[in-house]
Amino acid sequence: MAGNFDQEWGSGAGVADQHVGMRLNHVPTEPSGPGPSAPPVYGPFAPGKGPGDFASTPADKQAAAGTIENELQPNTKKAAEHADDATNAAHKGFDGWDTAAGLKKVSDTWDQQVKNLMARLDAEKTALRGASGLFVRNDTAVYNQFGTQSKLNGF
């Protein structure tokens, strides 16, 4: 029963040759119908934001980083461990079958994807915390620069 899993399952008959696509026959001419619209505006000039308002605050960035650290990362780790346990049990149940080799490959791929996701979450958390401090330092530097250059200093 032992065979090469990749050869058995990787040779899907004609699956790789199938192409899926979409073609638009026309674009609606009426503005009320579905069609192209103006791209969304982000940042300090987004609707409802004035030139002095930021789209997020340092506290928002810290909260997002905290959510990554306290919710997303631990829950991702728990989900990965749960999947590993279930896959390992199934792997043992199919010992000696080609299915066991397939489960092993799936498990290895899953573990690598979880590792990549955890690294990405770490990077995003670090970037959020760094950006939060960067904005505060930048604002302070600009304030100090204008304060020392102003001819009205001392009035």
C-alpha atoms as a PDB file:
ATOM      1  CA  MET A   1       0.000   0.000   0.000  1.00  0.00           C
ATOM      2  CA  ALA A   2       2.931   2.313   0.464  1.00  0.00           C
ATOM      3  CA  GLY A   3       3.466   4.650  -2.458  1.00  0.00           C
ATOM      4  CA  ASN A   4       4.528   8.129  -3.246  1.00  0.00           C
ATOM      5  CA  PHE A   5       1.879  10.539  -2.018  1.00  0.00           C
ATOM      6  CA  ASP A   6       3.059  13.379  -4.257  1.00  0.00           C
ATOM      7  CA  GLN A   7       2.827  11.212  -7.368  1.00  0.00           C
ATOM      8  CA  GLU A   8      -0.629   9.906  -6.510  1.00  0.00           C
ATOM      9  CA  TRP A   9      -2.204  13.185  -5.477  1.00  0.00           C
ATOM     10  CA  GLY A  10      -0.108  15.670  -7.437  1.00  0.00           C
ATOM     11  CA  SER A  11      -1.123  14.303 -10.819  1.00  0.00           C
ATOM     12  CA  GLY A  12      -4.724  15.540 -10.816  1.00  0.00           C
ATOM     13  CA  ALA A  13      -6.068  14.830 -14.275  1.00  0.00           C
ATOM     14  CA  GLY A  14      -6.081  18.131 -16.100  1.00  0.00           C
ATOM     15  CA  VAL A  15      -6.640  20.191 -12.953  1.00  0.00           C
ATOM     16  CA  ALA A  16      -3.533  22.317 -13.489  1.00  0.00           C
ATOM     17  CA  ASP A  17      -4.564  23.008 -17.090  1.00  0.00           C
ATOM     18  CA  GLN A  18      -7.895  24.578 -16.194  1.00  0.00           C
ATOM     19  CA  HIS A  19      -7.977  28.374 -16.173  1.00  0.00           C
ATOM     20  CA  VAL A  20     -10.655  30.419 -14.512  1.00  0.00           C
ATOM     21  CA  GLY A  21     -11.298  33.964 -15.640  1.00  0.00           C
ATOM     22  CA  MET A  22     -13.842  36.743 -15.865  1.00  0.00           C
ATOM     23  CA  ARG A  23     -14.600  39.144 -18.672  1.00  0.00           C
ATOM     24  CA  LEU A  24     -16.628  42.326 -18.473  1.00  0.00           C
ATOM     25  CA  ASN A  25     -18.784  43.015 -21.507  1.00  0.00           C
ATOM     26  CA  HIS A  26     -19.408  46.653 -20.617  1.00  0.00           C
ATOM     27  CA  VAL A  27     -19.206  49.266 -17.883  1.00  0.00           C
ATOM     28  CA  PRO A  28     -22.530  50.822 -16.833  1.00  0.00           C
ATOM     29  CA  THR A  29     -22.886  54.389 -18.098  1.00  0.00           C
ATOM     30  CA  GLU A  30     -25.266  55.565 -15.393  1.00  0.00           C
ATOM     31  CA  PRO A  31     -23.606  56.866 -12.225  1.00  0.00           C
ATOM     32  CA  SER A  32     -26.324  55.314 -10.056  1.00  0.00           C
ATOM     33  CA  GLY A  33     -25.555  51.787 -11.213  1.00  0.00           C
ATOM     34  CA  PRO A  34     -22.721  49.618 -10.067  1.00  0.00           C
ATOM     35  CA  GLY A  35     -19.446  50.610 -11.570  1.00  0.00           C
ATOM     36  CA  PRO A  36     -16.246  52.437 -10.873  1.00  0.00           C
ATOM     37  CA  SER A  37     -16.331  54.841  -7.965  1.00  0.00           C
ATOM     38  CA  ALA A  38     -13.857  57.197  -6.389  1.00  0.00           C
ATOM     39  CA  PRO A  39     -11.204  55.448  -4.350  1.00  0.00           C
ATOM     40  CA  PRO A  40     -11.583  55.687  -0.570  1.00  0.00           C
ATOM     41  CA  VAL A  41      -9.667  58.417   1.212  1.00  0.00           C
ATOM     42  CA  TYR A  42      -7.565  57.416   4.197  1.00  0.00           C
ATOM     43  CA  GLY A  43      -5.413  59.325   6.623  1.00  0.00           C
ATOM     44  CA  PRO A  44      -5.864  62.787   8.081  1.00  0.00           C
ATOM     45  CA  PHE A  45      -8.084  64.005   5.230  1.00  0.00           C
ATOM     46  CA  ALA A  46     -10.561  61.129   5.333  1.00  0.00           C
ATOM     47  CA  PRO A  47     -14.241  62.127   5.539  1.00  0.00           C
ATOM     48  CA  GLY A  48     -14.973  63.370   9.031  1.00  0.00           C
ATOM     49  CA  LYS A  49     -11.315  64.121   9.668  1.00  0.00           C
ATOM     50  CA  GLY A  50      -9.921  67.606   9.626  1.00  0.00           C
ATOM     51  CA  PRO A  51      -6.337  68.500   8.765  1.00  0.00           C
ATOM     52  CA  GLY A  52      -5.447  68.363  12.477  1.00  0.00           C
ATOM     53  CA  ASP A  53      -6.921  64.910  13.117  1.00  0.00           C
ATOM     54  CA  PHE A  54      -5.011  61.689  12.669  1.00  0.00           C
ATOM     55  CA  ALA A  55      -6.776  58.541  11.505  1.00  0.00           C
ATOM     56  CA  SER A  56      -5.449  56.775  14.604  1.00  0.00           C
ATOM     57  CA  THR A  57      -3.821  57.764  17.841  1.00  0.00           C
ATOM     58  CA  PRO A  58      -0.820  56.317  19.656  1.00  0.00           C
ATOM     59  CA  ALA A  59      -3.296  54.783  22.114  1.00  0.00           C
ATOM     60  CA  ASP A  60      -5.116  53.069  19.208  1.00  0.00           C
ATOM     61  CA  LYS A  61      -1.829  51.616  17.963  1.00  0.00           C
ATOM     62  CA  GLN A  62      -0.908  50.406  21.446  1.00  0.00           C
ATOM     63  CA  ALA A  63      -4.356  48.825  21.830  1.00  0.00           C
ATOM     64  CA  ALA A  64      -4.010  47.045  18.474  1.00  0.00           C
ATOM     65  CA  ALA A  65      -0.558  45.768  19.469  1.00  0.00           C
ATOM     66  CA  GLY A  66      -2.033  44.582  22.776  1.00  0.00           C
ATOM     67  CA  THR A  67      -4.804  42.729  20.942  1.00  0.00           C
ATOM     68  CA  ILE A  68      -2.211  40.955  18.812  1.00  0.00           C
ATOM     69  CA  GLU A  69      -0.153  40.022  21.878  1.00  0.00           C
ATOM     70  CA  ASN A  70      -2.986  39.067  24.240  1.00  0.00           C
ATOM     71  CA  GLU A  71      -5.573  37.572  21.889  1.00  0.00           C
ATOM     72  CA  LEU A  72      -4.394  36.745  18.375  1.00  0.00           C
ATOM     73  CA  GLN A  73      -1.037  35.162  19.214  1.00  0.00           C
ATOM     74  CA  PRO A  74      -2.229  32.973  22.133  1.00  0.00           C
ATOM     75  CA  ASN A  75      -5.372  31.887  20.254  1.00  0.00           C
ATOM     76  CA  THR A  76      -3.373  31.097  17.118  1.00  0.00           C
ATOM     77  CA  LYS A  77      -0.969  28.994  19.160  1.00  0.00           C
ATOM     78  CA  LYS A  78      -3.855  27.110  20.822  1.00  0.00           C
ATOM     79  CA  ALA A  79      -5.520  26.450  17.463  1.00  0.00           C
ATOM     80  CA  ALA A  80      -2.239  25.184  16.010  1.00  0.00           C
ATOM     81  CA  GLU A  81      -1.672  22.828  18.938  1.00  0.00           C
ATOM     82  CA  HIS A  82      -5.247  21.526  18.705  1.00  0.00           C
ATOM     83  CA  ALA A  83      -4.835  20.829  14.997  1.00  0.00           C
ATOM     84  CA  ASP A  84      -1.479  19.136  15.628  1.00  0.00           C
ATOM     85  CA  ASP A  85      -3.012  16.843  18.253  1.00  0.00           C
ATOM     86  CA  ALA A  86      -5.908  15.840  16.004  1.00  0.00           C
ATOM     87  CA  THR A  87      -3.661  15.331  12.966  1.00  0.00           C
ATOM     88  CA  ASN A  88      -1.168  13.244  14.960  1.00  0.00           C
ATOM     89  CA  ALA A  89      -3.972  11.007  16.227  1.00  0.00           C
ATOM     90  CA  ALA A  90      -5.287  10.539  12.673  1.00  0.00           C
ATOM     91  CA  HIS A  91      -1.746   9.898  11.421  1.00  0.00           C
ATOM     92  CA  LYS A  92      -1.340   7.051  13.926  1.00  0.00           C
ATOM     93  CA  GLY A  93      -4.719   5.633  12.911  1.00  0.00           C
ATOM     94  CA  PHE A  94      -3.637   5.442   9.274  1.00  0.00           C
ATOM     95  CA  ASP A  95      -0.156   4.076   9.988  1.00  0.00           C
ATOM     96  CA  GLY A  96       1.007   1.967   7.043  1.00  0.00           C
ATOM     97  CA  TRP A  97      -1.389   3.606   4.599  1.00  0.00           C
ATOM     98  CA  ASP A  98      -0.613   6.245   1.986  1.00  0.00           C
ATOM     99  CA  THR A  99      -3.035   8.500   3.839  1.00  0.00           C
ATOM    100  CA  ALA A 100      -0.565   8.666   6.748  1.00  0.00           C
ATOM    101  CA  ALA A 101       2.069  10.142   4.435  1.00  0.00           C
ATOM    102  CA  GLY A 102      -0.465  12.688   3.201  1.00  0.00           C
ATOM    103  CA  LEU A 103      -1.388  13.653   6.738  1.00  0.00           C
ATOM    104  CA  LYS A 104       2.281  14.076   7.604  1.00  0.00           C
ATOM    105  CA  LYS A 105       2.765  16.414   4.645  1.00  0.00           C
ATOM    106  CA  VAL A 106      -0.338  18.411   5.582  1.00  0.00           C
ATOM    107  CA  SER A 107       0.861  18.631   9.171  1.00  0.00           C
ATOM    108  CA  ASP A 108       4.306  19.868   8.146  1.00  0.00           C
ATOM    109  CA  THR A 109       2.770  22.477   5.830  1.00  0.00           C
ATOM    110  CA  TRP A 110       0.364  23.585   8.576  1.00  0.00           C
ATOM    111  CA  ASP A 111       3.217  23.956  11.074  1.00  0.00           C
ATOM    112  CA  GLN A 112       5.199  26.102   8.628  1.00  0.00           C
ATOM    113  CA  GLN A 113       2.188  28.305   7.909  1.00  0.00           C
ATOM    114  CA  VAL A 114       1.539  28.784  11.626  1.00  0.00           C
ATOM    115  CA  LYS A 115       5.203  29.693  12.127  1.00  0.00           C
ATOM    116  CA  ASN A 116       4.950  32.266   9.311  1.00  0.00           C
ATOM    117  CA  LEU A 117       1.735  33.689  10.747  1.00  0.00           C
ATOM    118  CA  MET A 118       3.225  34.023  14.235  1.00  0.00           C
ATOM    119  CA  ALA A 119       6.259  35.818  12.774  1.00  0.00           C
ATOM    120  CA  ARG A 120       3.957  38.151  10.837  1.00  0.00           C
ATOM    121  CA  LEU A 121       1.928  38.904  13.966  1.00  0.00           C
ATOM    122  CA  ASP A 122       5.161  39.675  15.841  1.00  0.00           C
ATOM    123  CA  ALA A 123       6.272  42.015  13.057  1.00  0.00           C
ATOM    124  CA  GLU A 124       2.916  43.823  12.987  1.00  0.00           C
ATOM    125  CA  LYS A 125       2.908  44.182  16.781  1.00  0.00           C
ATOM    126  CA  THR A 126       6.424  45.630  16.726  1.00  0.00           C
ATOM    127  CA  ALA A 127       5.553  47.978  13.849  1.00  0.00           C
ATOM    128  CA  LEU A 128       2.466  49.279  15.648  1.00  0.00           C
ATOM    129  CA  ARG A 129       4.419  49.970  18.810  1.00  0.00           C
ATOM    130  CA  GLY A 130       7.236  51.576  16.836  1.00  0.00           C
ATOM    131  CA  ALA A 131       4.877  53.777  14.820  1.00  0.00           C
ATOM    132  CA  SER A 132       3.159  54.915  17.998  1.00  0.00           C
ATOM    133  CA  GLY A 133       6.430  56.159  19.461  1.00  0.00           C
ATOM    134  CA  LEU A 134       7.566  57.564  16.123  1.00  0.00           C
ATOM    135  CA  PHE A 135       4.552  59.869  15.834  1.00  0.00           C
ATOM    136  CA  VAL A 136       5.033  61.201  19.358  1.00  0.00           C
ATOM    137  CA  ARG A 137       8.774  61.791  18.842  1.00  0.00           C
ATOM    138  CA  ASN A 138       8.157  63.428  15.465  1.00  0.00           C
ATOM    139  CA  ASP A 139       5.483  65.767  16.851  1.00  0.00           C
ATOM    140  CA  THR A 140       7.726  66.728  19.768  1.00  0.00           C
ATOM    141  CA  ALA A 141      10.674  67.415  17.448  1.00  0.00           C
ATOM    142  CA  VAL A 142       8.567  69.600  15.139  1.00  0.00           C
ATOM    143  CA  TYR A 143       7.161  71.500  18.114  1.00  0.00           C
ATOM    144  CA  ASN A 144      10.653  72.068  19.524  1.00  0.00           C
ATOM    145  CA  GLN A 145      11.997  73.134  16.130  1.00  0.00           C
ATOM    146  CA  PHE A 146       9.291  75.771  15.684  1.00  0.00           C
ATOM    147  CA  GLY A 147       9.693  76.933  19.282  1.00  0.00           C
ATOM    148  CA  THR A 148      13.394  77.655  18.859  1.00  0.00           C
ATOM    149  CA  GLN A 149      13.026  79.317  15.456  1.00  0.00           C
ATOM    150  CA  SER A 150      10.123  81.605  16.272  1.00  0.00           C
ATOM    151  CA  LYS A 151      10.852  85.338  16.550  1.00  0.00           C
ATOM    152  CA  LEU A 152       7.848  85.563  18.824  1.00  0.00           C
ATOM    153  CA  ASN A 153       9.562  83.402  21.447  1.00  0.00           C
ATOM    154  CA  GLY A 154       9.154  85.015  24.849  1.00  0.00           C
ATOM    155  CA  PHE A 155       5.971  86.988  24.125  1.00  0.00           C
END
